[in-house]
Amino acid sequence: MNTREHRALYRGVETYLDGEADPSLAVSVRRHLAACWACSEDAEWLVLIKAALGRIGERRPPDLAVARLARYASTVSDKR
């Protein structure tokens, strides 16, 4: 595989992971990920990042953290 083909497949990884790749691209990317360690590692990171971003709305900071931030904000505003 030449560099140009590799870059084209690498650009298709995110589309493939999002389920938006056409069938022929999906097959090509799947095969590439099975053979290319670097791209498969990047794909794993993308999956983890996308999963974490998807959970942002579900997370809430602990009450102690909220209290500390509120206390810090009040001390900063008092100094102005």
PDB file of N, CA and C in Angstrom:
ATOM      1  N   MET A   1       0.850  -1.177   0.000  1.00  0.00           N
ATOM      2  CA  MET A   1       0.000   0.000   0.000  1.00  0.00           C
ATOM      3  C   MET A   1       0.895   1.239   0.000  1.00  0.00           C
ATOM      4  N   ASN A   2       0.568   2.172  -0.854  1.00  0.00           N
ATOM      5  CA  ASN A   2       1.371   3.389  -0.897  1.00  0.00           C
ATOM      6  C   ASN A   2       0.826   4.420   0.100  1.00  0.00           C
ATOM      7  N   THR A   3       1.572   5.486   0.272  1.00  0.00           N
ATOM      8  CA  THR A   3       1.236   6.511   1.258  1.00  0.00           C
ATOM      9  C   THR A   3      -0.103   7.172   0.957  1.00  0.00           C
ATOM     10  N   ARG A   4      -0.383   7.418  -0.288  1.00  0.00           N
ATOM     11  CA  ARG A   4      -1.636   8.078  -0.669  1.00  0.00           C
ATOM     12  C   ARG A   4      -2.840   7.194  -0.303  1.00  0.00           C
ATOM     13  N   GLU A   5      -2.742   5.902  -0.570  1.00  0.00           N
ATOM     14  CA  GLU A   5      -3.824   4.973  -0.222  1.00  0.00           C
ATOM     15  C   GLU A   5      -4.001   4.907   1.300  1.00  0.00           C
ATOM     16  N   HIS A   6      -2.867   4.898   2.000  1.00  0.00           N
ATOM     17  CA  HIS A   6      -2.923   4.851   3.455  1.00  0.00           C
ATOM     18  C   HIS A   6      -3.625   6.089   4.004  1.00  0.00           C
ATOM     19  N   ARG A   7      -3.277   7.251   3.499  1.00  0.00           N
ATOM     20  CA  ARG A   7      -3.914   8.491   3.982  1.00  0.00           C
ATOM     21  C   ARG A   7      -5.405   8.490   3.685  1.00  0.00           C
ATOM     22  N   ALA A   8      -5.783   8.004   2.514  1.00  0.00           N
ATOM     23  CA  ALA A   8      -7.203   7.961   2.155  1.00  0.00           C
ATOM     24  C   ALA A   8      -7.970   7.054   3.113  1.00  0.00           C
ATOM     25  N   LEU A   9      -7.397   5.908   3.433  1.00  0.00           N
ATOM     26  CA  LEU A   9      -8.061   5.008   4.367  1.00  0.00           C
ATOM     27  C   LEU A   9      -8.086   5.595   5.778  1.00  0.00           C
ATOM     28  N   TYR A  10      -7.004   6.261   6.180  1.00  0.00           N
ATOM     29  CA  TYR A  10      -6.960   6.882   7.502  1.00  0.00           C
ATOM     30  C   TYR A  10      -8.062   7.935   7.621  1.00  0.00           C
ATOM     31  N   ARG A  11      -8.265   8.710   6.567  1.00  0.00           N
ATOM     32  CA  ARG A  11      -9.319   9.727   6.597  1.00  0.00           C
ATOM     33  C   ARG A  11     -10.708   9.085   6.685  1.00  0.00           C
ATOM     34  N   GLY A  12     -10.829   7.864   6.236  1.00  0.00           N
ATOM     35  CA  GLY A  12     -12.113   7.181   6.288  1.00  0.00           C
ATOM     36  C   GLY A  12     -12.410   6.511   7.607  1.00  0.00           C
ATOM     37  N   VAL A  13     -11.448   6.454   8.501  1.00  0.00           N
ATOM     38  CA  VAL A  13     -11.632   5.750   9.766  1.00  0.00           C
ATOM     39  C   VAL A  13     -12.757   6.374  10.594  1.00  0.00           C
ATOM     40  N   GLU A  14     -12.759   7.674  10.749  1.00  0.00           N
ATOM     41  CA  GLU A  14     -13.777   8.307  11.580  1.00  0.00           C
ATOM     42  C   GLU A  14     -15.163   8.147  10.953  1.00  0.00           C
ATOM     43  N   THR A  15     -15.237   8.274   9.644  1.00  0.00           N
ATOM     44  CA  THR A  15     -16.505   8.059   8.955  1.00  0.00           C
ATOM     45  C   THR A  15     -16.996   6.634   9.194  1.00  0.00           C
ATOM     46  N   TYR A  16     -16.083   5.690   9.115  1.00  0.00           N
ATOM     47  CA  TYR A  16     -16.413   4.287   9.366  1.00  0.00           C
ATOM     48  C   TYR A  16     -16.883   4.088  10.807  1.00  0.00           C
ATOM     49  N   LEU A  17     -16.174   4.658  11.766  1.00  0.00           N
ATOM     50  CA  LEU A  17     -16.540   4.492  13.175  1.00  0.00           C
ATOM     51  C   LEU A  17     -17.900   5.107  13.493  1.00  0.00           C
ATOM     52  N   ASP A  18     -18.241   6.175  12.766  1.00  0.00           N
ATOM     53  CA  ASP A  18     -19.534   6.824  12.974  1.00  0.00           C
ATOM     54  C   ASP A  18     -20.666   6.105  12.244  1.00  0.00           C
ATOM     55  N   GLY A  19     -20.327   5.046  11.499  1.00  0.00           N
ATOM     56  CA  GLY A  19     -21.343   4.307  10.757  1.00  0.00           C
ATOM     57  C   GLY A  19     -21.828   5.023   9.521  1.00  0.00           C
ATOM     58  N   GLU A  20     -21.032   5.983   9.028  1.00  0.00           N
ATOM     59  CA  GLU A  20     -21.445   6.790   7.881  1.00  0.00           C
ATOM     60  C   GLU A  20     -20.710   6.431   6.596  1.00  0.00           C
ATOM     61  N   ALA A  21     -19.859   5.416   6.636  1.00  0.00           N
ATOM     62  CA  ALA A  21     -19.087   5.027   5.449  1.00  0.00           C
ATOM     63  C   ALA A  21     -19.960   4.195   4.521  1.00  0.00           C
ATOM     64  N   ASP A  22     -19.786   4.427   3.220  1.00  0.00           N
ATOM     65  CA  ASP A  22     -20.498   3.571   2.277  1.00  0.00           C
ATOM     66  C   ASP A  22     -19.925   2.159   2.391  1.00  0.00           C
ATOM     67  N   PRO A  23     -20.654   1.160   1.924  1.00  0.00           N
ATOM     68  CA  PRO A  23     -20.231  -0.227   2.128  1.00  0.00           C
ATOM     69  C   PRO A  23     -18.825  -0.555   1.623  1.00  0.00           C
ATOM     70  N   SER A  24     -18.440  -0.033   0.478  1.00  0.00           N
ATOM     71  CA  SER A  24     -17.104  -0.368  -0.036  1.00  0.00           C
ATOM     72  C   SER A  24     -16.005   0.269   0.815  1.00  0.00           C
ATOM     73  N   LEU A  25     -16.224   1.504   1.268  1.00  0.00           N
ATOM     74  CA  LEU A  25     -15.249   2.151   2.147  1.00  0.00           C
ATOM     75  C   LEU A  25     -15.191   1.409   3.480  1.00  0.00           C
ATOM     76  N   ALA A  26     -16.330   0.999   3.992  1.00  0.00           N
ATOM     77  CA  ALA A  26     -16.359   0.290   5.276  1.00  0.00           C
ATOM     78  C   ALA A  26     -15.536  -0.991   5.204  1.00  0.00           C
ATOM     79  N   VAL A  27     -15.675  -1.735   4.123  1.00  0.00           N
ATOM     80  CA  VAL A  27     -14.904  -2.970   3.964  1.00  0.00           C
ATOM     81  C   VAL A  27     -13.414  -2.656   3.903  1.00  0.00           C
ATOM     82  N   SER A  28     -13.045  -1.637   3.133  1.00  0.00           N
ATOM     83  CA  SER A  28     -11.632  -1.268   2.987  1.00  0.00           C
ATOM     84  C   SER A  28     -11.038  -0.809   4.308  1.00  0.00           C
ATOM     85  N   VAL A  29     -11.768   0.020   5.031  1.00  0.00           N
ATOM     86  CA  VAL A  29     -11.274   0.526   6.316  1.00  0.00           C
ATOM     87  C   VAL A  29     -11.170  -0.617   7.323  1.00  0.00           C
ATOM     88  N   ARG A  30     -12.156  -1.490   7.363  1.00  0.00           N
ATOM     89  CA  ARG A  30     -12.127  -2.620   8.290  1.00  0.00           C
ATOM     90  C   ARG A  30     -10.894  -3.487   8.038  1.00  0.00           C
ATOM     91  N   ARG A  31     -10.614  -3.764   6.776  1.00  0.00           N
ATOM     92  CA  ARG A  31      -9.422  -4.546   6.435  1.00  0.00           C
ATOM     93  C   ARG A  31      -8.151  -3.802   6.828  1.00  0.00           C
ATOM     94  N   HIS A  32      -8.142  -2.503   6.573  1.00  0.00           N
ATOM     95  CA  HIS A  32      -6.964  -1.702   6.902  1.00  0.00           C
ATOM     96  C   HIS A  32      -6.717  -1.695   8.408  1.00  0.00           C
ATOM     97  N   LEU A  33      -7.769  -1.538   9.185  1.00  0.00           N
ATOM     98  CA  LEU A  33      -7.621  -1.520  10.644  1.00  0.00           C
ATOM     99  C   LEU A  33      -7.127  -2.865  11.170  1.00  0.00           C
ATOM    100  N   ALA A  34      -7.488  -3.930  10.500  1.00  0.00           N
ATOM    101  CA  ALA A  34      -7.019  -5.253  10.911  1.00  0.00           C
ATOM    102  C   ALA A  34      -5.531  -5.429  10.643  1.00  0.00           C
ATOM    103  N   ALA A  35      -4.994  -4.662   9.679  1.00  0.00           N
ATOM    104  CA  ALA A  35      -3.594  -4.836   9.282  1.00  0.00           C
ATOM    105  C   ALA A  35      -2.667  -3.721   9.752  1.00  0.00           C
ATOM    106  N   CYS A  36      -3.209  -2.555  10.036  1.00  0.00           N
ATOM    107  CA  CYS A  36      -2.371  -1.385  10.351  1.00  0.00           C
ATOM    108  C   CYS A  36      -2.460  -1.055  11.835  1.00  0.00           C
ATOM    109  N   TRP A  37      -1.356  -1.295  12.538  1.00  0.00           N
ATOM    110  CA  TRP A  37      -1.335  -1.067  13.980  1.00  0.00           C
ATOM    111  C   TRP A  37      -1.577   0.398  14.316  1.00  0.00           C
ATOM    112  N   ALA A  38      -0.935   1.319  13.600  1.00  0.00           N
ATOM    113  CA  ALA A  38      -1.060   2.746  13.919  1.00  0.00           C
ATOM    114  C   ALA A  38      -2.500   3.230  13.749  1.00  0.00           C
ATOM    115  N   CYS A  39      -3.126   2.872  12.654  1.00  0.00           N
ATOM    116  CA  CYS A  39      -4.496   3.320  12.418  1.00  0.00           C
ATOM    117  C   CYS A  39      -5.473   2.658  13.384  1.00  0.00           C
ATOM    118  N   SER A  40      -5.245   1.385  13.714  1.00  0.00           N
ATOM    119  CA  SER A  40      -6.148   0.717  14.655  1.00  0.00           C
ATOM    120  C   SER A  40      -6.012   1.330  16.054  1.00  0.00           C
ATOM    121  N   GLU A  41      -4.810   1.746  16.411  1.00  0.00           N
ATOM    122  CA  GLU A  41      -4.637   2.416  17.699  1.00  0.00           C
ATOM    123  C   GLU A  41      -5.382   3.751  17.705  1.00  0.00           C
ATOM    124  N   ASP A  42      -5.246   4.520  16.638  1.00  0.00           N
ATOM    125  CA  ASP A  42      -5.978   5.788  16.544  1.00  0.00           C
ATOM    126  C   ASP A  42      -7.483   5.552  16.593  1.00  0.00           C
ATOM    127  N   ALA A  43      -7.932   4.492  15.933  1.00  0.00           N
ATOM    128  CA  ALA A  43      -9.363   4.173  15.933  1.00  0.00           C
ATOM    129  C   ALA A  43      -9.835   3.857  17.352  1.00  0.00           C
ATOM    130  N   GLU A  44      -9.041   3.120  18.101  1.00  0.00           N
ATOM    131  CA  GLU A  44      -9.415   2.816  19.480  1.00  0.00           C
ATOM    132  C   GLU A  44      -9.532   4.084  20.310  1.00  0.00           C
ATOM    133  N   TRP A  45      -8.582   5.003  20.128  1.00  0.00           N
ATOM    134  CA  TRP A  45      -8.650   6.277  20.845  1.00  0.00           C
ATOM    135  C   TRP A  45      -9.899   7.055  20.456  1.00  0.00           C
ATOM    136  N   LEU A  46     -10.218   7.079  19.167  1.00  0.00           N
ATOM    137  CA  LEU A  46     -11.415   7.791  18.719  1.00  0.00           C
ATOM    138  C   LEU A  46     -12.673   7.205  19.347  1.00  0.00           C
ATOM    139  N   VAL A  47     -12.749   5.893  19.420  1.00  0.00           N
ATOM    140  CA  VAL A  47     -13.908   5.243  20.042  1.00  0.00           C
ATOM    141  C   VAL A  47     -14.022   5.670  21.507  1.00  0.00           C
ATOM    142  N   LEU A  48     -12.913   5.662  22.225  1.00  0.00           N
ATOM    143  CA  LEU A  48     -12.935   6.064  23.641  1.00  0.00           C
ATOM    144  C   LEU A  48     -13.315   7.527  23.815  1.00  0.00           C
ATOM    145  N   ILE A  49     -12.753   8.395  22.975  1.00  0.00           N
ATOM    146  CA  ILE A  49     -13.056   9.833  23.061  1.00  0.00           C
ATOM    147  C   ILE A  49     -14.519  10.091  22.762  1.00  0.00           C
ATOM    148  N   LYS A  50     -15.025   9.482  21.698  1.00  0.00           N
ATOM    149  CA  LYS A  50     -16.431   9.682  21.336  1.00  0.00           C
ATOM    150  C   LYS A  50     -17.357   9.164  22.436  1.00  0.00           C
ATOM    151  N   ALA A  51     -17.015   8.046  23.053  1.00  0.00           N
ATOM    152  CA  ALA A  51     -17.831   7.512  24.149  1.00  0.00           C
ATOM    153  C   ALA A  51     -17.818   8.469  25.338  1.00  0.00           C
ATOM    154  N   ALA A  52     -16.643   9.008  25.663  1.00  0.00           N
ATOM    155  CA  ALA A  52     -16.538   9.951  26.788  1.00  0.00           C
ATOM    156  C   ALA A  52     -17.327  11.227  26.499  1.00  0.00           C
ATOM    157  N   LEU A  53     -17.223  11.731  25.290  1.00  0.00           N
ATOM    158  CA  LEU A  53     -17.966  12.942  24.930  1.00  0.00           C
ATOM    159  C   LEU A  53     -19.468  12.695  24.974  1.00  0.00           C
ATOM    160  N   GLY A  54     -19.868  11.501  24.628  1.00  0.00           N
ATOM    161  CA  GLY A  54     -21.284  11.172  24.665  1.00  0.00           C
ATOM    162  C   GLY A  54     -21.852  11.118  26.074  1.00  0.00           C
ATOM    163  N   ARG A  55     -20.985  10.914  27.058  1.00  0.00           N
ATOM    164  CA  ARG A  55     -21.429  10.835  28.453  1.00  0.00           C
ATOM    165  C   ARG A  55     -21.332  12.165  29.195  1.00  0.00           C
ATOM    166  N   ILE A  56     -20.880  13.211  28.557  1.00  0.00           N
ATOM    167  CA  ILE A  56     -20.682  14.486  29.258  1.00  0.00           C
ATOM    168  C   ILE A  56     -21.973  14.982  29.889  1.00  0.00           C
ATOM    169  N   GLY A  57     -23.066  14.877  29.171  1.00  0.00           N
ATOM    170  CA  GLY A  57     -24.335  15.352  29.707  1.00  0.00           C
ATOM    171  C   GLY A  57     -24.811  14.563  30.907  1.00  0.00           C
ATOM    172  N   GLU A  58     -24.330  13.351  31.071  1.00  0.00           N
ATOM    173  CA  GLU A  58     -24.735  12.499  32.191  1.00  0.00           C
ATOM    174  C   GLU A  58     -23.950  12.804  33.458  1.00  0.00           C
ATOM    175  N   ARG A  59     -22.817  13.467  33.317  1.00  0.00           N
ATOM    176  CA  ARG A  59     -21.933  13.657  34.465  1.00  0.00           C
ATOM    177  C   ARG A  59     -22.274  14.941  35.193  1.00  0.00           C
ATOM    178  N   ARG A  60     -22.075  14.914  36.476  1.00  0.00           N
ATOM    179  CA  ARG A  60     -22.292  16.070  37.327  1.00  0.00           C
ATOM    180  C   ARG A  60     -21.139  16.110  38.315  1.00  0.00           C
ATOM    181  N   PRO A  61     -20.549  17.280  38.526  1.00  0.00           N
ATOM    182  CA  PRO A  61     -19.436  17.331  39.477  1.00  0.00           C
ATOM    183  C   PRO A  61     -19.918  17.025  40.888  1.00  0.00           C
ATOM    184  N   PRO A  62     -19.068  16.430  41.700  1.00  0.00           N
ATOM    185  CA  PRO A  62     -19.441  16.149  43.094  1.00  0.00           C
ATOM    186  C   PRO A  62     -19.754  17.441  43.840  1.00  0.00           C
ATOM    187  N   ASP A  63     -20.625  17.342  44.820  1.00  0.00           N
ATOM    188  CA  ASP A  63     -21.044  18.519  45.592  1.00  0.00           C
ATOM    189  C   ASP A  63     -19.853  19.250  46.203  1.00  0.00           C
ATOM    190  N   LEU A  64     -18.854  18.522  46.673  1.00  0.00           N
ATOM    191  CA  LEU A  64     -17.679  19.144  47.268  1.00  0.00           C
ATOM    192  C   LEU A  64     -16.951  20.002  46.234  1.00  0.00           C
ATOM    193  N   ALA A  65     -16.831  19.506  45.023  1.00  0.00           N
ATOM    194  CA  ALA A  65     -16.162  20.275  43.974  1.00  0.00           C
ATOM    195  C   ALA A  65     -16.944  21.556  43.663  1.00  0.00           C
ATOM    196  N   VAL A  66     -18.260  21.442  43.622  1.00  0.00           N
ATOM    197  CA  VAL A  66     -19.098  22.620  43.372  1.00  0.00           C
ATOM    198  C   VAL A  66     -18.921  23.637  44.493  1.00  0.00           C
ATOM    199  N   ALA A  67     -18.898  23.180  45.714  1.00  0.00           N
ATOM    200  CA  ALA A  67     -18.721  24.086  46.860  1.00  0.00           C
ATOM    201  C   ALA A  67     -17.358  24.771  46.807  1.00  0.00           C
ATOM    202  N   ARG A  68     -16.318  24.025  46.482  1.00  0.00           N
ATOM    203  CA  ARG A  68     -14.980  24.614  46.388  1.00  0.00           C
ATOM    204  C   ARG A  68     -14.909  25.661  45.280  1.00  0.00           C
ATOM    205  N   LEU A  69     -15.501  25.347  44.136  1.00  0.00           N
ATOM    206  CA  LEU A  69     -15.504  26.323  43.035  1.00  0.00           C
ATOM    207  C   LEU A  69     -16.279  27.574  43.411  1.00  0.00           C
ATOM    208  N   ALA A  70     -17.404  27.404  44.080  1.00  0.00           N
ATOM    209  CA  ALA A  70     -18.196  28.563  44.506  1.00  0.00           C
ATOM    210  C   ALA A  70     -17.413  29.417  45.500  1.00  0.00           C
ATOM    211  N   ARG A  71     -16.729  28.751  46.451  1.00  0.00           N
ATOM    212  CA  ARG A  71     -15.926  29.489  47.438  1.00  0.00           C
ATOM    213  C   ARG A  71     -14.796  30.240  46.743  1.00  0.00           C
ATOM    214  N   TYR A  72     -14.127  29.583  45.790  1.00  0.00           N
ATOM    215  CA  TYR A  72     -13.039  30.231  45.055  1.00  0.00           C
ATOM    216  C   TYR A  72     -13.564  31.414  44.255  1.00  0.00           C
ATOM    217  N   ALA A  73     -14.695  31.232  43.592  1.00  0.00           N
ATOM    218  CA  ALA A  73     -15.267  32.318  42.788  1.00  0.00           C
ATOM    219  C   ALA A  73     -15.614  33.515  43.665  1.00  0.00           C
ATOM    220  N   SER A  74     -16.115  33.270  44.865  1.00  0.00           N
ATOM    221  CA  SER A  74     -16.470  34.390  45.746  1.00  0.00           C
ATOM    222  C   SER A  74     -15.223  35.116  46.245  1.00  0.00           C
ATOM    223  N   THR A  75     -14.124  34.391  46.488  1.00  0.00           N
ATOM    224  CA  THR A  75     -12.902  35.050  46.942  1.00  0.00           C
ATOM    225  C   THR A  75     -12.275  35.866  45.809  1.00  0.00           C
ATOM    226  N   VAL A  76     -12.378  35.368  44.617  1.00  0.00           N
ATOM    227  CA  VAL A  76     -11.833  36.101  43.474  1.00  0.00           C
ATOM    228  C   VAL A  76     -12.644  37.362  43.229  1.00  0.00           C
ATOM    229  N   SER A  77     -13.970  37.262  43.307  1.00  0.00           N
ATOM    230  CA  SER A  77     -14.802  38.445  43.054  1.00  0.00           C
ATOM    231  C   SER A  77     -14.661  39.456  44.181  1.00  0.00           C
ATOM    232  N   ASP A  78     -14.383  39.011  45.407  1.00  0.00           N
ATOM    233  CA  ASP A  78     -14.182  39.918  46.543  1.00  0.00           C
ATOM    234  C   ASP A  78     -12.913  40.750  46.357  1.00  0.00           C
ATOM    235  N   LYS A  79     -11.914  40.228  45.655  1.00  0.00           N
ATOM    236  CA  LYS A  79     -10.650  40.925  45.474  1.00  0.00           C
ATOM    237  C   LYS A  79     -10.715  41.975  44.381  1.00  0.00           C
ATOM    238  N   ARG A  80     -11.769  41.985  43.626  1.00  0.00           N
ATOM    239  CA  ARG A  80     -11.883  42.956  42.511  1.00  0.00           C
ATOM    240  C   ARG A  80     -12.528  44.200  42.911  1.00  0.00           C
TER     241      ARG A  80
END
